C-alpha atoms as a PDB file:
ATOM      1  CA  MET A   1     -12.468  92.369  84.655  1.00  0.00           C
ATOM      2  CA  SER A   2     -11.687  93.801  87.793  1.00  0.00           C
ATOM      3  CA  GLU A   3      -9.353  92.661  90.414  1.00  0.00           C
ATOM      4  CA  GLN A   4     -10.549  92.245  93.836  1.00  0.00           C
ATOM      5  CA  VAL A   5      -8.070  94.147  96.412  1.00  0.00           C
ATOM      6  CA  SER A   6      -8.163  92.480  99.817  1.00  0.00           C
ATOM      7  CA  ASP A   7      -8.434  94.717 102.778  1.00  0.00           C
ATOM      8  CA  THR A   8      -5.016  93.786 104.502  1.00  0.00           C
ATOM      9  CA  SER A   9      -3.108  95.405 101.266  1.00  0.00           C
ATOM     10  CA  LEU A  10      -4.738  98.614 102.378  1.00  0.00           C
ATOM     11  CA  THR A  11      -3.769  98.509 105.820  1.00  0.00           C
ATOM     12  CA  ASN A  12      -0.314  99.051 107.792  1.00  0.00           C
ATOM     13  CA  ASP A  13       0.678  96.120 109.129  1.00  0.00           C
ATOM     14  CA  ARG A  14       2.905  97.924 111.759  1.00  0.00           C
ATOM     15  CA  PRO A  15       1.768  98.150 115.182  1.00  0.00           C
ATOM     16  CA  HIS A  16       0.271 101.270 116.155  1.00  0.00           C
ATOM     17  CA  SER A  17       0.932 103.548 118.903  1.00  0.00           C
ATOM     18  CA  GLY A  18      -1.139 106.125 120.498  1.00  0.00           C
ATOM     19  CA  ARG A  19       1.470 108.752 119.844  1.00  0.00           C
ATOM     20  CA  LEU A  20       3.461 110.397 116.489  1.00  0.00           C
ATOM     21  CA  SER A  21       6.711 108.518 116.171  1.00  0.00           C
ATOM     22  CA  ASN A  22       9.324 109.563 113.839  1.00  0.00           C
ATOM     23  CA  ILE A  23       7.382 112.200 111.949  1.00  0.00           C
ATOM     24  CA  GLY A  24       9.872 115.106 112.589  1.00  0.00           C
ATOM     25  CA  THR A  25       7.213 117.723 111.820  1.00  0.00           C
ATOM     26  CA  PHE A  26       9.167 120.227 114.029  1.00  0.00           C
ATOM     27  CA  SER A  27      12.693 118.894 113.593  1.00  0.00           C
ATOM     28  CA  ALA A  28      13.767 121.928 111.787  1.00  0.00           C
ATOM     29  CA  PHE A  29      13.328 123.998 114.746  1.00  0.00           C
ATOM     30  CA  LYS A  30      16.334 122.718 116.098  1.00  0.00           C
ATOM     31  CA  TYR A  31      18.414 124.926 113.790  1.00  0.00           C
ATOM     32  CA  ARG A  32      18.872 128.378 115.035  1.00  0.00           C
ATOM     33  CA  ASN A  33      18.704 130.146 111.391  1.00  0.00           C
ATOM     34  CA  TYR A  34      15.608 128.368 110.778  1.00  0.00           C
ATOM     35  CA  ARG A  35      13.862 129.264 113.945  1.00  0.00           C
ATOM     36  CA  LEU A  36      14.882 132.954 113.128  1.00  0.00           C
ATOM     37  CA  LEU A  37      13.696 132.789 109.758  1.00  0.00           C
ATOM     38  CA  TRP A  38      10.261 131.416 110.944  1.00  0.00           C
ATOM     39  CA  ILE A  39       9.977 134.106 113.619  1.00  0.00           C
ATOM     40  CA  SER A  40      10.907 136.900 111.141  1.00  0.00           C
ATOM     41  CA  THR A  41       8.511 135.581 108.409  1.00  0.00           C
ATOM     42  CA  LEU A  42       5.429 135.192 111.360  1.00  0.00           C
ATOM     43  CA  ILE A  43       5.786 138.844 112.266  1.00  0.00           C
ATOM     44  CA  SER A  44       6.776 140.201 108.702  1.00  0.00           C
ATOM     45  CA  SER A  45       3.609 138.614 107.295  1.00  0.00           C
ATOM     46  CA  GLY A  46       1.457 139.220 110.224  1.00  0.00           C
ATOM     47  CA  GLY A  47       2.414 142.921 109.353  1.00  0.00           C
ATOM     48  CA  ASN A  48       1.435 142.373 105.602  1.00  0.00           C
ATOM     49  CA  TRP A  49      -2.085 141.037 106.269  1.00  0.00           C
ATOM     50  CA  VAL A  50      -2.653 143.594 108.781  1.00  0.00           C
ATOM     51  CA  GLN A  51      -1.242 146.256 106.475  1.00  0.00           C
ATOM     52  CA  GLN A  52      -3.549 145.050 103.825  1.00  0.00           C
ATOM     53  CA  ILE A  53      -6.788 145.110 105.423  1.00  0.00           C
ATOM     54  CA  THR A  54      -5.659 148.625 106.639  1.00  0.00           C
ATOM     55  CA  ILE A  55      -5.101 150.007 103.575  1.00  0.00           C
ATOM     56  CA  GLY A  56      -8.122 148.350 101.917  1.00  0.00           C
ATOM     57  CA  TRP A  57     -10.433 149.856 105.021  1.00  0.00           C
ATOM     58  CA  LEU A  58      -8.743 153.310 104.702  1.00  0.00           C
ATOM     59  CA  ALA A  59      -9.156 153.140 100.557  1.00  0.00           C
ATOM     60  CA  PHE A  60     -13.012 152.433 100.982  1.00  0.00           C
ATOM     61  CA  ALA A  61     -13.061 154.973 103.876  1.00  0.00           C
ATOM     62  CA  ILE A  62     -11.552 157.844 101.573  1.00  0.00           C
ATOM     63  CA  THR A  63     -13.248 156.863  98.465  1.00  0.00           C
ATOM     64  CA  GLY A  64     -16.603 155.059  99.455  1.00  0.00           C
ATOM     65  CA  ASP A  65     -15.788 153.164  95.976  1.00  0.00           C
ATOM     66  CA  ALA A  66     -15.316 149.499  95.700  1.00  0.00           C
ATOM     67  CA  LEU A  67     -13.872 149.865  92.294  1.00  0.00           C
ATOM     68  CA  LEU A  68     -10.947 152.133  93.437  1.00  0.00           C
ATOM     69  CA  THR A  69     -10.535 150.230  96.535  1.00  0.00           C
ATOM     70  CA  GLY A  70     -10.366 146.978  94.471  1.00  0.00           C
ATOM     71  CA  THR A  71      -7.828 148.982  92.287  1.00  0.00           C
ATOM     72  CA  VAL A  72      -5.660 149.496  95.409  1.00  0.00           C
ATOM     73  CA  ALA A  73      -5.632 146.076  96.247  1.00  0.00           C
ATOM     74  CA  GLY A  74      -4.496 145.145  92.682  1.00  0.00           C
ATOM     75  CA  LEU A  75      -1.934 147.714  92.600  1.00  0.00           C
ATOM     76  CA  ARG A  76      -0.294 145.626  95.384  1.00  0.00           C
ATOM     77  CA  GLY A  77      -0.147 142.302  93.171  1.00  0.00           C
ATOM     78  CA  MET A  78       0.569 144.173  89.985  1.00  0.00           C
ATOM     79  CA  PRO A  79       4.714 144.422  90.989  1.00  0.00           C
ATOM     80  CA  PHE A  80       4.759 140.631  91.266  1.00  0.00           C
ATOM     81  CA  LEU A  81       4.225 140.256  87.545  1.00  0.00           C
ATOM     82  CA  ILE A  82       7.366 142.195  86.780  1.00  0.00           C
ATOM     83  CA  ALA A  83       9.561 142.303  89.899  1.00  0.00           C
ATOM     84  CA  GLY A  84       9.151 138.404  90.439  1.00  0.00           C
ATOM     85  CA  PRO A  85      11.041 137.102  88.028  1.00  0.00           C
ATOM     86  CA  ILE A  86      13.715 139.721  88.426  1.00  0.00           C
ATOM     87  CA  SER A  87      13.838 138.959  92.114  1.00  0.00           C
ATOM     88  CA  GLY A  88      14.249 135.265  91.533  1.00  0.00           C
ATOM     89  CA  VAL A  89      17.311 136.188  89.499  1.00  0.00           C
ATOM     90  CA  LEU A  90      18.816 138.506  92.006  1.00  0.00           C
ATOM     91  CA  SER A  91      18.533 135.884  94.987  1.00  0.00           C
ATOM     92  CA  ASP A  92      20.093 133.462  92.737  1.00  0.00           C
ATOM     93  CA  ARG A  93      23.115 135.765  92.370  1.00  0.00           C
ATOM     94  CA  MET A  94      23.171 137.652  95.355  1.00  0.00           C
ATOM     95  CA  ASP A  95      23.505 136.942  99.184  1.00  0.00           C
ATOM     96  CA  ARG A  96      20.240 135.958 100.028  1.00  0.00           C
ATOM     97  CA  ARG A  97      20.097 137.028 103.791  1.00  0.00           C
ATOM     98  CA  LYS A  98      21.710 140.435 102.717  1.00  0.00           C
ATOM     99  CA  LEU A  99      18.929 140.886  99.729  1.00  0.00           C
ATOM    100  CA  MET A 100      16.212 139.975 102.418  1.00  0.00           C
ATOM    101  CA  LEU A 101      17.759 142.212 105.114  1.00  0.00           C
ATOM    102  CA  ILE A 102      17.605 145.029 102.463  1.00  0.00           C
ATOM    103  CA  THR A 103      13.707 144.278 101.515  1.00  0.00           C
ATOM    104  CA  GLN A 104      12.625 144.334 105.066  1.00  0.00           C
ATOM    105  CA  VAL A 105      14.248 147.314 105.793  1.00  0.00           C
ATOM    106  CA  TYR A 106      12.813 148.913 102.855  1.00  0.00           C
ATOM    107  CA  LEU A 107       9.189 147.438 103.783  1.00  0.00           C
ATOM    108  CA  ALA A 108       9.700 148.585 107.449  1.00  0.00           C
ATOM    109  CA  LEU A 109      10.947 152.219 106.261  1.00  0.00           C
ATOM    110  CA  LEU A 110       8.312 152.662 103.846  1.00  0.00           C
ATOM    111  CA  GLY A 111       5.675 151.548 106.534  1.00  0.00           C
ATOM    112  CA  LEU A 112       6.831 154.023 108.935  1.00  0.00           C
ATOM    113  CA  VAL A 113       6.449 156.625 106.105  1.00  0.00           C
ATOM    114  CA  PHE A 114       3.038 155.693 105.230  1.00  0.00           C
ATOM    115  CA  ALA A 115       2.082 155.570 109.160  1.00  0.00           C
ATOM    116  CA  SER A 116       3.306 159.098 109.557  1.00  0.00           C
ATOM    117  CA  LEU A 117       1.270 160.177 106.377  1.00  0.00           C
ATOM    118  CA  VAL A 118      -1.694 158.742 107.877  1.00  0.00           C
ATOM    119  CA  ALA A 119      -1.130 160.446 111.252  1.00  0.00           C
ATOM    120  CA  GLY A 120      -0.910 163.539 109.922  1.00  0.00           C
ATOM    121  CA  LEU A 121       2.984 164.212 110.482  1.00  0.00           C
ATOM    122  CA  PHE A 122       3.609 165.518 107.112  1.00  0.00           C
ATOM    123  CA  GLY A 123       0.684 168.056 107.158  1.00  0.00           C
ATOM    124  CA  MET A 124      -1.321 166.746 104.170  1.00  0.00           C
ATOM    125  CA  GLU A 125      -4.640 164.692 103.994  1.00  0.00           C
ATOM    126  CA  VAL A 126      -4.227 161.176 102.682  1.00  0.00           C
ATOM    127  CA  THR A 127      -5.990 161.006  99.264  1.00  0.00           C
ATOM    128  CA  VAL A 128      -6.499 157.706  97.081  1.00  0.00           C
ATOM    129  CA  TRP A 129      -3.072 158.587  95.036  1.00  0.00           C
ATOM    130  CA  HIS A 130      -0.968 158.230  98.003  1.00  0.00           C
ATOM    131  CA  LEU A 131      -2.615 155.058  98.694  1.00  0.00           C
ATOM    132  CA  TYR A 132      -1.986 153.782  94.719  1.00  0.00           C
ATOM    133  CA  ILE A 133       1.592 154.981  95.133  1.00  0.00           C
ATOM    134  CA  PHE A 134       2.307 153.146  98.764  1.00  0.00           C
ATOM    135  CA  THR A 135       0.527 150.267  97.824  1.00  0.00           C
ATOM    136  CA  PHE A 136       2.557 149.755  94.659  1.00  0.00           C
ATOM    137  CA  MET A 137       5.646 150.251  96.508  1.00  0.00           C
ATOM    138  CA  PHE A 138       4.668 148.043  99.246  1.00  0.00           C
ATOM    139  CA  GLY A 139       3.774 145.077  96.382  1.00  0.00           C
ATOM    140  CA  THR A 140       7.273 145.642  94.889  1.00  0.00           C
ATOM    141  CA  GLY A 141       8.909 145.360  98.185  1.00  0.00           C
ATOM    142  CA  TRP A 142       7.277 141.963  98.808  1.00  0.00           C
ATOM    143  CA  ALA A 143       7.782 141.067  95.012  1.00  0.00           C
ATOM    144  CA  MET A 144      11.489 141.131  96.033  1.00  0.00           C
ATOM    145  CA  ASN A 145      11.300 139.832  99.467  1.00  0.00           C
ATOM    146  CA  ASN A 146       9.136 136.351  98.952  1.00  0.00           C
ATOM    147  CA  PRO A 147      11.438 134.433  96.149  1.00  0.00           C
ATOM    148  CA  THR A 148      14.259 135.492  98.592  1.00  0.00           C
ATOM    149  CA  ARG A 149      12.785 134.177 101.557  1.00  0.00           C
ATOM    150  CA  GLN A 150      11.467 130.990  99.938  1.00  0.00           C
ATOM    151  CA  THR A 151      14.919 130.087  98.828  1.00  0.00           C
ATOM    152  CA  LEU A 152      16.343 130.074 102.281  1.00  0.00           C
ATOM    153  CA  VAL A 153      14.658 127.372 103.195  1.00  0.00           C
END
């Protein structure tokens, strides 16, 4: 037979005030290093998403082929299979802040080189092979950066 549960056992007996009390949702922001990590993650991740959309758009504009555009997107995720576990080991054995700084500088420089290529500063036209190479390199950088960033919290 089934037991009956009284309605009072499902409610909280404490008085309810109209405000959130002692939840501490934003309490981590009182630490300077956490604020810096949070802000850098916001900026870096925002740039990453804009870059993913732009590269996908550029791939489709160059090729007009959905399959090749999907291949470009897939090449960004492939390094996570190989570099992800390696990055986890490195972030356990190296100074995490230094490793994250190295990967962020790598990603920033790679972004500048890619932007220069797209802007025509190297005197060549962007092809799908450029997108393949740069996307794979970006994916490798993010595969190294993400585990390190997550261990800092």
